Amino acid sequence: MPKEQAKVFLDASIFMAAVRSPSGGPALVLEVCRGGKFRAISTRKVLLEAQRNIKRKFSEEELIKFYREIVTLKLETTEPATEEEIAEYSQLIEQKDAHVLAAAIKSGAAFLITLDQKHFMTYVIKQAKLPISILTPGEFLRGICKI
């Protein structure tokens, strides 16, 4: 019986950095997910946030690259968190990021990969004993993937 792929929830910052730097850690995280050992997941809201920020800050070429990344990644979009679920995590993290944390946990992902250390890697979150590991791309690649 084949082993089930671990779910990796990707924050908007990962998509943004991957299209900006194709040889950086976030791009490598996407490549690892394409390899089949991990299943990349996110929500439509996260993808729309990434799209909006890429449109505003980057070139049209990078926006097209973002669309290609999503298609070749075979990204699974998961159900967004409910208002009640978001409220539950709002005590742990900035309100604007609570939907990401709540959806990642709701999805059953083993890992939430983000570059937003300021909001996701706080003392409060580390003490919360959440059922998900929140990692930077480098921590994921070195610690989990052993790259």
N, C-alpha and C. Protein backbone atom coordinates (compact mmCIF):
# COMPACT_ATOMS: atom_id res chain seq x y z
N MET A 1 0.84 -1.18 0.00
CA MET A 1 0.00 0.00 0.00
C MET A 1 0.89 1.25 0.00
N PRO A 2 0.71 2.16 -0.95
CA PRO A 2 1.57 3.34 -1.02
C PRO A 2 1.34 4.27 0.17
N LYS A 3 2.42 4.88 0.61
CA LYS A 3 2.37 5.81 1.72
C LYS A 3 1.69 7.10 1.26
N GLU A 4 0.79 7.64 2.11
CA GLU A 4 0.09 8.88 1.77
C GLU A 4 1.06 10.06 1.81
N GLN A 5 0.90 10.95 0.84
CA GLN A 5 1.75 12.13 0.77
C GLN A 5 1.41 13.09 1.92
N ALA A 6 2.44 13.62 2.55
CA ALA A 6 2.23 14.63 3.58
C ALA A 6 1.76 15.91 2.90
N LYS A 7 0.79 16.58 3.51
CA LYS A 7 0.27 17.83 2.96
C LYS A 7 1.14 19.00 3.41
N VAL A 8 1.44 19.87 2.46
CA VAL A 8 2.23 21.07 2.70
C VAL A 8 1.37 22.27 2.31
N PHE A 9 0.98 23.06 3.31
CA PHE A 9 0.16 24.25 3.04
C PHE A 9 1.10 25.40 2.71
N LEU A 10 0.87 26.04 1.57
CA LEU A 10 1.74 27.11 1.10
C LEU A 10 1.08 28.48 1.28
N ASP A 11 1.79 29.37 1.94
CA ASP A 11 1.35 30.74 2.15
C ASP A 11 1.64 31.56 0.88
N ALA A 12 0.98 32.69 0.74
CA ALA A 12 1.16 33.56 -0.43
C ALA A 12 2.62 33.97 -0.62
N SER A 13 3.33 34.17 0.47
CA SER A 13 4.73 34.61 0.38
C SER A 13 5.60 33.60 -0.37
N ILE A 14 5.26 32.35 -0.32
CA ILE A 14 6.03 31.31 -1.01
C ILE A 14 5.88 31.47 -2.52
N PHE A 15 4.67 31.67 -2.99
CA PHE A 15 4.44 31.85 -4.42
C PHE A 15 5.12 33.12 -4.93
N MET A 16 5.01 34.17 -4.16
CA MET A 16 5.61 35.45 -4.56
C MET A 16 7.13 35.33 -4.69
N ALA A 17 7.75 34.73 -3.70
CA ALA A 17 9.21 34.59 -3.72
C ALA A 17 9.66 33.61 -4.81
N ALA A 18 8.88 32.57 -5.05
CA ALA A 18 9.25 31.56 -6.05
C ALA A 18 9.28 32.16 -7.46
N VAL A 19 8.32 33.03 -7.77
CA VAL A 19 8.33 33.63 -9.12
C VAL A 19 9.40 34.69 -9.24
N ARG A 20 9.79 35.28 -8.14
CA ARG A 20 10.81 36.32 -8.16
C ARG A 20 12.21 35.74 -8.26
N SER A 21 12.41 34.59 -7.62
CA SER A 21 13.74 33.97 -7.58
C SER A 21 13.62 32.47 -7.85
N PRO A 22 13.72 32.07 -9.11
CA PRO A 22 13.53 30.66 -9.47
C PRO A 22 14.56 29.69 -8.89
N SER A 23 15.65 30.21 -8.33
CA SER A 23 16.65 29.30 -7.76
C SER A 23 16.65 29.35 -6.22
N GLY A 24 15.72 30.10 -5.63
CA GLY A 24 15.67 30.24 -4.17
C GLY A 24 14.91 29.12 -3.49
N GLY A 25 14.90 29.19 -2.17
CA GLY A 25 14.24 28.17 -1.35
C GLY A 25 12.77 27.97 -1.66
N PRO A 26 11.97 29.04 -1.78
CA PRO A 26 10.56 28.83 -2.10
C PRO A 26 10.33 28.10 -3.42
N ALA A 27 11.12 28.43 -4.44
CA ALA A 27 10.99 27.72 -5.72
C ALA A 27 11.37 26.25 -5.56
N LEU A 28 12.35 25.98 -4.73
CA LEU A 28 12.75 24.59 -4.47
C LEU A 28 11.66 23.84 -3.71
N VAL A 29 10.96 24.52 -2.80
CA VAL A 29 9.83 23.89 -2.11
C VAL A 29 8.78 23.45 -3.12
N LEU A 30 8.47 24.32 -4.09
CA LEU A 30 7.50 23.96 -5.12
C LEU A 30 8.00 22.77 -5.93
N GLU A 31 9.28 22.76 -6.23
CA GLU A 31 9.87 21.65 -7.00
C GLU A 31 9.78 20.34 -6.22
N VAL A 32 10.05 20.39 -4.93
CA VAL A 32 9.95 19.20 -4.08
C VAL A 32 8.51 18.68 -4.08
N CYS A 33 7.55 19.59 -4.01
CA CYS A 33 6.14 19.18 -4.05
C CYS A 33 5.78 18.55 -5.39
N ARG A 34 6.35 19.07 -6.46
CA ARG A 34 6.13 18.46 -7.78
C ARG A 34 6.68 17.05 -7.85
N GLY A 35 7.71 16.77 -7.05
CA GLY A 35 8.34 15.45 -7.06
C GLY A 35 7.46 14.33 -6.52
N GLY A 36 6.37 14.68 -5.85
CA GLY A 36 5.40 13.67 -5.45
C GLY A 36 5.46 13.21 -4.01
N LYS A 37 6.50 13.56 -3.26
CA LYS A 37 6.58 13.11 -1.87
C LYS A 37 5.62 13.91 -0.99
N PHE A 38 5.34 15.14 -1.38
CA PHE A 38 4.46 16.02 -0.63
C PHE A 38 3.34 16.51 -1.53
N ARG A 39 2.21 16.82 -0.92
CA ARG A 39 1.06 17.33 -1.66
C ARG A 39 0.87 18.80 -1.31
N ALA A 40 1.04 19.68 -2.28
CA ALA A 40 0.92 21.12 -2.08
C ALA A 40 -0.54 21.51 -2.01
N ILE A 41 -0.90 22.27 -0.97
CA ILE A 41 -2.27 22.74 -0.84
C ILE A 41 -2.28 24.21 -0.41
N SER A 42 -3.37 24.86 -0.68
CA SER A 42 -3.57 26.25 -0.28
C SER A 42 -5.06 26.54 -0.41
N THR A 43 -5.45 27.77 -0.21
CA THR A 43 -6.84 28.16 -0.42
C THR A 43 -6.92 29.19 -1.55
N ARG A 44 -8.10 29.36 -2.07
CA ARG A 44 -8.29 30.37 -3.13
C ARG A 44 -7.95 31.76 -2.60
N LYS A 45 -8.27 32.01 -1.35
CA LYS A 45 -7.98 33.33 -0.76
C LYS A 45 -6.48 33.60 -0.73
N VAL A 46 -5.70 32.59 -0.38
CA VAL A 46 -4.24 32.73 -0.37
C VAL A 46 -3.73 32.96 -1.79
N LEU A 47 -4.26 32.21 -2.75
CA LEU A 47 -3.84 32.37 -4.14
C LEU A 47 -4.20 33.75 -4.68
N LEU A 48 -5.38 34.24 -4.31
CA LEU A 48 -5.79 35.58 -4.75
C LEU A 48 -4.90 36.65 -4.12
N GLU A 49 -4.50 36.44 -2.87
CA GLU A 49 -3.58 37.37 -2.21
C GLU A 49 -2.24 37.40 -2.95
N ALA A 50 -1.73 36.21 -3.28
CA ALA A 50 -0.46 36.14 -4.02
C ALA A 50 -0.60 36.81 -5.38
N GLN A 51 -1.68 36.51 -6.09
CA GLN A 51 -1.91 37.11 -7.40
C GLN A 51 -1.99 38.63 -7.32
N ARG A 52 -2.75 39.13 -6.36
CA ARG A 52 -2.90 40.58 -6.19
C ARG A 52 -1.55 41.24 -5.90
N ASN A 53 -0.76 40.65 -5.04
CA ASN A 53 0.55 41.22 -4.70
C ASN A 53 1.54 41.14 -5.86
N ILE A 54 1.49 40.05 -6.61
CA ILE A 54 2.38 39.91 -7.76
C ILE A 54 2.00 40.95 -8.83
N LYS A 55 0.70 41.12 -9.07
CA LYS A 55 0.24 42.12 -10.04
C LYS A 55 0.71 43.52 -9.63
N ARG A 56 0.63 43.81 -8.35
CA ARG A 56 0.94 45.15 -7.85
C ARG A 56 2.44 45.42 -7.79
N LYS A 57 3.24 44.40 -7.46
CA LYS A 57 4.66 44.63 -7.19
C LYS A 57 5.61 44.13 -8.26
N PHE A 58 5.17 43.17 -9.06
CA PHE A 58 6.07 42.51 -10.01
C PHE A 58 5.64 42.76 -11.44
N SER A 59 6.36 42.13 -12.37
CA SER A 59 6.09 42.30 -13.80
C SER A 59 4.99 41.35 -14.28
N GLU A 60 4.51 41.62 -15.48
CA GLU A 60 3.52 40.74 -16.10
C GLU A 60 4.11 39.36 -16.34
N GLU A 61 5.39 39.32 -16.68
CA GLU A 61 6.08 38.04 -16.89
C GLU A 61 6.06 37.20 -15.61
N GLU A 62 6.25 37.84 -14.47
CA GLU A 62 6.23 37.10 -13.21
C GLU A 62 4.82 36.65 -12.85
N LEU A 63 3.82 37.41 -13.25
CA LEU A 63 2.43 36.99 -13.04
C LEU A 63 2.12 35.74 -13.86
N ILE A 64 2.57 35.72 -15.09
CA ILE A 64 2.39 34.54 -15.94
C ILE A 64 3.12 33.34 -15.35
N LYS A 65 4.29 33.58 -14.83
CA LYS A 65 5.07 32.52 -14.19
C LYS A 65 4.30 31.95 -12.99
N PHE A 66 3.64 32.82 -12.23
CA PHE A 66 2.81 32.40 -11.09
C PHE A 66 1.72 31.45 -11.57
N TYR A 67 1.02 31.80 -12.64
CA TYR A 67 -0.04 30.94 -13.17
C TYR A 67 0.53 29.58 -13.61
N ARG A 68 1.69 29.60 -14.23
CA ARG A 68 2.33 28.34 -14.66
C ARG A 68 2.70 27.48 -13.45
N GLU A 69 3.20 28.13 -12.42
CA GLU A 69 3.58 27.39 -11.20
C GLU A 69 2.38 26.64 -10.63
N ILE A 70 1.26 27.30 -10.56
CA ILE A 70 0.06 26.67 -10.01
C ILE A 70 -0.36 25.47 -10.84
N VAL A 71 -0.34 25.61 -12.15
CA VAL A 71 -0.75 24.52 -13.04
C VAL A 71 0.20 23.33 -12.93
N THR A 72 1.50 23.59 -13.00
CA THR A 72 2.46 22.48 -12.98
C THR A 72 2.60 21.86 -11.59
N LEU A 73 2.22 22.60 -10.57
CA LEU A 73 2.29 22.11 -9.21
C LEU A 73 1.17 21.13 -8.89
N LYS A 74 0.10 21.19 -9.66
CA LYS A 74 -1.10 20.40 -9.37
C LYS A 74 -1.57 20.70 -7.96
N LEU A 75 -1.62 21.98 -7.66
CA LEU A 75 -1.98 22.48 -6.35
C LEU A 75 -3.42 22.12 -6.00
N GLU A 76 -3.60 21.61 -4.82
CA GLU A 76 -4.94 21.30 -4.31
C GLU A 76 -5.45 22.52 -3.55
N THR A 77 -6.64 22.99 -3.92
CA THR A 77 -7.23 24.08 -3.13
C THR A 77 -8.18 23.45 -2.13
N THR A 78 -7.99 23.85 -0.89
CA THR A 78 -8.77 23.29 0.20
C THR A 78 -9.83 24.28 0.65
N GLU A 79 -10.76 23.81 1.42
CA GLU A 79 -11.84 24.66 1.93
C GLU A 79 -11.27 25.77 2.79
N PRO A 80 -11.79 26.96 2.65
CA PRO A 80 -11.34 28.05 3.52
C PRO A 80 -11.84 27.82 4.94
N ALA A 81 -11.19 28.46 5.87
CA ALA A 81 -11.63 28.38 7.27
C ALA A 81 -12.92 29.17 7.43
N THR A 82 -13.75 28.73 8.35
CA THR A 82 -14.98 29.45 8.66
C THR A 82 -14.64 30.66 9.55
N GLU A 83 -15.58 31.55 9.70
CA GLU A 83 -15.37 32.72 10.57
C GLU A 83 -15.07 32.28 12.00
N GLU A 84 -15.74 31.21 12.45
CA GLU A 84 -15.51 30.70 13.81
C GLU A 84 -14.10 30.15 13.94
N GLU A 85 -13.63 29.42 12.93
CA GLU A 85 -12.27 28.87 12.97
C GLU A 85 -11.23 29.99 12.94
N ILE A 86 -11.48 31.00 12.14
CA ILE A 86 -10.57 32.14 12.07
C ILE A 86 -10.52 32.85 13.42
N ALA A 87 -11.69 33.03 14.03
CA ALA A 87 -11.76 33.70 15.34
C ALA A 87 -10.97 32.93 16.39
N GLU A 88 -11.00 31.61 16.30
CA GLU A 88 -10.27 30.77 17.27
C GLU A 88 -8.77 31.04 17.24
N TYR A 89 -8.22 31.32 16.07
CA TYR A 89 -6.78 31.54 15.95
C TYR A 89 -6.39 33.02 15.97
N SER A 90 -7.38 33.89 15.98
CA SER A 90 -7.10 35.33 16.01
C SER A 90 -6.39 35.78 17.28
N GLN A 91 -6.50 34.99 18.34
CA GLN A 91 -5.80 35.33 19.57
C GLN A 91 -4.31 35.00 19.48
N LEU A 92 -3.93 34.21 18.50
CA LEU A 92 -2.54 33.77 18.37
C LEU A 92 -1.75 34.56 17.34
N ILE A 93 -2.45 35.14 16.39
CA ILE A 93 -1.77 35.74 15.24
C ILE A 93 -2.53 36.97 14.77
N GLU A 94 -1.86 37.84 14.03
CA GLU A 94 -2.52 39.03 13.46
C GLU A 94 -3.79 38.60 12.72
N GLN A 95 -4.82 39.41 12.84
CA GLN A 95 -6.11 39.11 12.21
C GLN A 95 -5.96 38.81 10.71
N LYS A 96 -5.11 39.58 10.01
CA LYS A 96 -4.97 39.40 8.56
C LYS A 96 -4.36 38.06 8.18
N ASP A 97 -3.69 37.39 9.13
CA ASP A 97 -3.07 36.09 8.85
C ASP A 97 -3.82 34.92 9.48
N ALA A 98 -4.84 35.21 10.27
CA ALA A 98 -5.56 34.14 10.97
C ALA A 98 -6.22 33.16 9.99
N HIS A 99 -6.67 33.66 8.85
CA HIS A 99 -7.32 32.77 7.87
C HIS A 99 -6.33 31.73 7.33
N VAL A 100 -5.07 32.12 7.21
CA VAL A 100 -4.04 31.19 6.70
C VAL A 100 -3.80 30.09 7.73
N LEU A 101 -3.57 30.48 8.97
CA LEU A 101 -3.32 29.50 10.02
C LEU A 101 -4.51 28.58 10.21
N ALA A 102 -5.70 29.15 10.26
CA ALA A 102 -6.91 28.34 10.46
C ALA A 102 -7.13 27.36 9.30
N ALA A 103 -6.95 27.81 8.08
CA ALA A 103 -7.15 26.93 6.92
C ALA A 103 -6.09 25.84 6.86
N ALA A 104 -4.85 26.19 7.19
CA ALA A 104 -3.77 25.19 7.18
C ALA A 104 -4.07 24.08 8.17
N ILE A 105 -4.52 24.45 9.36
CA ILE A 105 -4.84 23.46 10.38
C ILE A 105 -6.07 22.66 9.96
N LYS A 106 -7.09 23.33 9.49
CA LYS A 106 -8.33 22.66 9.05
C LYS A 106 -8.04 21.63 7.95
N SER A 107 -7.09 21.93 7.07
CA SER A 107 -6.79 21.06 5.94
C SER A 107 -6.11 19.75 6.33
N GLY A 108 -5.60 19.71 7.55
CA GLY A 108 -4.87 18.51 7.98
C GLY A 108 -3.44 18.48 7.48
N ALA A 109 -2.93 19.63 7.05
CA ALA A 109 -1.55 19.70 6.56
C ALA A 109 -0.58 19.42 7.71
N ALA A 110 0.50 18.77 7.37
CA ALA A 110 1.56 18.52 8.35
C ALA A 110 2.43 19.75 8.52
N PHE A 111 2.53 20.55 7.44
CA PHE A 111 3.43 21.70 7.43
C PHE A 111 2.76 22.92 6.84
N LEU A 112 3.05 24.07 7.42
CA LEU A 112 2.68 25.37 6.84
C LEU A 112 4.00 26.05 6.52
N ILE A 113 4.22 26.32 5.24
CA ILE A 113 5.47 26.93 4.80
C ILE A 113 5.20 28.41 4.51
N THR A 114 6.00 29.28 5.13
CA THR A 114 5.82 30.72 4.99
C THR A 114 7.15 31.44 5.15
N LEU A 115 7.22 32.61 4.59
CA LEU A 115 8.36 33.51 4.80
C LEU A 115 8.01 34.58 5.84
N ASP A 116 6.79 34.59 6.30
CA ASP A 116 6.31 35.60 7.24
C ASP A 116 6.66 35.20 8.67
N GLN A 117 7.94 35.31 9.00
CA GLN A 117 8.39 34.94 10.33
C GLN A 117 7.86 35.87 11.41
N LYS A 118 7.68 37.13 11.08
CA LYS A 118 7.22 38.12 12.05
C LYS A 118 5.87 37.73 12.67
N HIS A 119 4.98 37.18 11.86
CA HIS A 119 3.65 36.85 12.36
C HIS A 119 3.45 35.37 12.68
N PHE A 120 4.14 34.49 11.98
CA PHE A 120 3.91 33.06 12.17
C PHE A 120 4.90 32.36 13.11
N MET A 121 6.03 33.00 13.38
CA MET A 121 7.06 32.34 14.19
C MET A 121 7.24 33.07 15.53
N THR A 122 6.15 33.35 16.17
CA THR A 122 6.19 34.09 17.43
C THR A 122 6.23 33.14 18.63
N TYR A 123 6.56 33.69 19.75
CA TYR A 123 6.58 32.92 21.00
C TYR A 123 5.18 32.36 21.29
N VAL A 124 4.15 33.19 21.10
CA VAL A 124 2.77 32.76 21.37
C VAL A 124 2.40 31.55 20.51
N ILE A 125 2.74 31.59 19.24
CA ILE A 125 2.41 30.47 18.36
C ILE A 125 3.22 29.23 18.73
N LYS A 126 4.49 29.41 19.04
CA LYS A 126 5.32 28.26 19.42
C LYS A 126 4.80 27.59 20.70
N GLN A 127 4.24 28.36 21.61
CA GLN A 127 3.71 27.82 22.86
C GLN A 127 2.32 27.22 22.71
N ALA A 128 1.66 27.45 21.60
CA ALA A 128 0.27 27.03 21.40
C ALA A 128 0.11 25.53 21.15
N LYS A 129 1.19 24.82 20.88
CA LYS A 129 1.12 23.37 20.61
C LYS A 129 0.10 23.05 19.51
N LEU A 130 0.28 23.71 18.39
CA LEU A 130 -0.61 23.52 17.25
C LEU A 130 -0.34 22.18 16.58
N PRO A 131 -1.33 21.61 15.91
CA PRO A 131 -1.16 20.31 15.24
C PRO A 131 -0.51 20.43 13.85
N ILE A 132 0.34 21.43 13.68
CA ILE A 132 1.00 21.67 12.39
C ILE A 132 2.37 22.28 12.68
N SER A 133 3.35 21.94 11.86
CA SER A 133 4.67 22.55 11.97
C SER A 133 4.74 23.74 11.03
N ILE A 134 5.08 24.91 11.58
CA ILE A 134 5.19 26.12 10.79
C ILE A 134 6.67 26.34 10.53
N LEU A 135 7.05 26.33 9.25
CA LEU A 135 8.46 26.36 8.87
C LEU A 135 8.73 27.37 7.76
N THR A 136 9.95 27.87 7.73
CA THR A 136 10.41 28.65 6.58
C THR A 136 10.78 27.64 5.49
N PRO A 137 10.93 28.10 4.25
CA PRO A 137 11.36 27.17 3.21
C PRO A 137 12.69 26.48 3.56
N GLY A 138 13.64 27.23 4.10
CA GLY A 138 14.93 26.64 4.46
C GLY A 138 14.80 25.57 5.52
N GLU A 139 13.98 25.83 6.54
CA GLU A 139 13.77 24.82 7.60
C GLU A 139 13.13 23.56 7.03
N PHE A 140 12.17 23.74 6.15
CA PHE A 140 11.50 22.61 5.52
C PHE A 140 12.48 21.80 4.67
N LEU A 141 13.25 22.50 3.85
CA LEU A 141 14.17 21.81 2.94
C LEU A 141 15.30 21.09 3.69
N ARG A 142 15.87 21.75 4.68
CA ARG A 142 16.98 21.15 5.44
C ARG A 142 16.50 20.10 6.44
N GLY A 143 15.42 20.41 7.17
CA GLY A 143 14.98 19.54 8.24
C GLY A 143 14.10 18.40 7.82
N ILE A 144 13.18 18.64 6.90
CA ILE A 144 12.21 17.63 6.49
C ILE A 144 12.66 16.89 5.23
N CYS A 145 13.09 17.64 4.24
CA CYS A 145 13.49 17.05 2.96
C CYS A 145 14.94 16.59 2.96
N LYS A 146 15.72 17.06 3.92
CA LYS A 146 17.15 16.72 4.04
C LYS A 146 17.95 17.16 2.83
N ILE A 147 17.61 18.35 2.31
CA ILE A 147 18.32 18.90 1.15
C ILE A 147 19.39 19.85 1.65
